Protein backbone atom coordinates (compact mmCIF):
# COMPACT_ATOMS: atom_id res chain seq x y z
CA MET A 1 -12.24 -9.04 -26.89
CA PRO A 2 -14.57 -10.36 -24.19
CA ARG A 3 -17.16 -8.05 -22.81
CA ARG A 4 -16.73 -7.00 -19.19
CA LYS A 5 -19.54 -8.02 -16.90
CA SER A 6 -21.40 -5.13 -15.36
CA GLY A 7 -22.47 -6.83 -12.15
CA PRO A 8 -21.18 -6.04 -8.67
CA PRO A 9 -17.64 -7.02 -7.76
CA SER A 10 -17.15 -10.32 -6.01
CA LEU A 11 -16.85 -10.52 -2.25
CA GLY A 12 -13.21 -11.60 -2.51
CA SER A 13 -12.44 -8.49 -4.56
CA LEU A 14 -13.98 -6.23 -1.95
CA GLY A 15 -12.04 -7.96 0.81
CA ALA A 16 -8.76 -7.61 -1.05
CA LEU A 17 -9.36 -3.94 -1.75
CA SER A 18 -10.28 -3.17 1.85
CA ALA A 19 -7.12 -4.93 3.05
CA VAL A 20 -5.11 -2.67 0.74
CA GLY A 21 -6.10 0.39 2.75
CA ILE A 22 -4.84 -1.19 5.94
CA ALA A 23 -1.59 -2.28 4.26
CA PHE A 24 -1.09 1.24 2.88
CA VAL A 25 -1.43 2.84 6.31
CA LEU A 26 0.84 0.22 7.87
CA ALA A 27 3.55 0.83 5.25
CA LEU A 28 3.45 4.56 6.07
CA LEU A 29 3.48 3.87 9.80
CA PHE A 30 6.43 1.45 9.60
CA GLY A 31 8.40 3.88 7.46
CA PHE A 32 7.70 6.66 9.93
CA LEU A 33 8.65 4.57 12.96
CA ILE A 34 11.84 3.20 11.42
CA GLY A 35 12.90 6.69 10.37
CA ARG A 36 12.14 8.10 13.80
CA ALA A 37 14.08 5.31 15.52
CA LEU A 38 17.09 5.82 13.26
CA ASP A 39 16.99 9.58 13.84
CA GLY A 40 16.92 9.05 17.59
CA TRP A 41 19.76 6.55 17.45
CA LEU A 42 21.99 8.54 15.09
CA GLY A 43 21.00 12.04 16.21
CA THR A 44 19.98 13.21 12.73
CA SER A 45 16.76 15.04 13.50
CA PRO A 46 14.32 14.78 10.58
CA LEU A 47 16.54 13.20 7.92
CA PHE A 48 15.72 9.50 8.19
CA LEU A 49 12.14 10.21 9.23
CA ILE A 50 11.54 11.95 5.91
CA VAL A 51 13.47 9.38 3.87
CA PHE A 52 11.73 6.35 5.38
CA PHE A 53 8.34 8.04 5.28
CA PHE A 54 8.70 8.36 1.51
CA ILE A 55 9.99 4.80 1.23
CA GLY A 56 6.88 3.65 3.12
CA LEU A 57 4.72 5.79 0.85
CA ALA A 58 6.27 4.21 -2.25
CA ALA A 59 5.81 0.72 -0.81
CA GLY A 60 2.17 1.47 -0.01
CA VAL A 61 1.46 2.82 -3.50
CA LEU A 62 3.17 -0.19 -5.11
CA ASN A 63 1.05 -2.52 -2.99
CA VAL A 64 -2.14 -0.69 -4.01
CA ILE A 65 -1.22 -0.91 -7.70
CA ARG A 66 -0.34 -4.61 -7.51
CA THR A 67 -3.48 -5.57 -5.61
CA ALA A 68 -5.80 -3.46 -7.76
CA SER A 69 -4.39 -4.91 -10.97
CA ALA A 70 -4.68 -8.45 -9.61
CA VAL A 71 -8.29 -7.87 -8.53
CA THR A 72 -9.31 -6.37 -11.86
CA ARG A 73 -7.53 -9.20 -13.70
CA ASP A 74 -9.42 -11.77 -11.59
CA ASP A 75 -12.75 -9.99 -12.11
CA ARG A 76 -12.30 -10.08 -15.88
CA LYS A 77 -11.99 -13.89 -15.86
């Protein structure tokens, strides 16, 4: 098993991880806005807002996991 280098992460890794934060917030925001629009259109007060907020949350968490695993995989090479 190769030994992991103990130096600082590469600049590309830091850029990818900082972009993840923005993507996470945008996924939450889009879920919120879509849910709010559907609630206004269908007249179902908080139902779709809550549902799409959690869908956006799940999408954001999945994106964080995918990007973090890709960055750590690239740093190990």
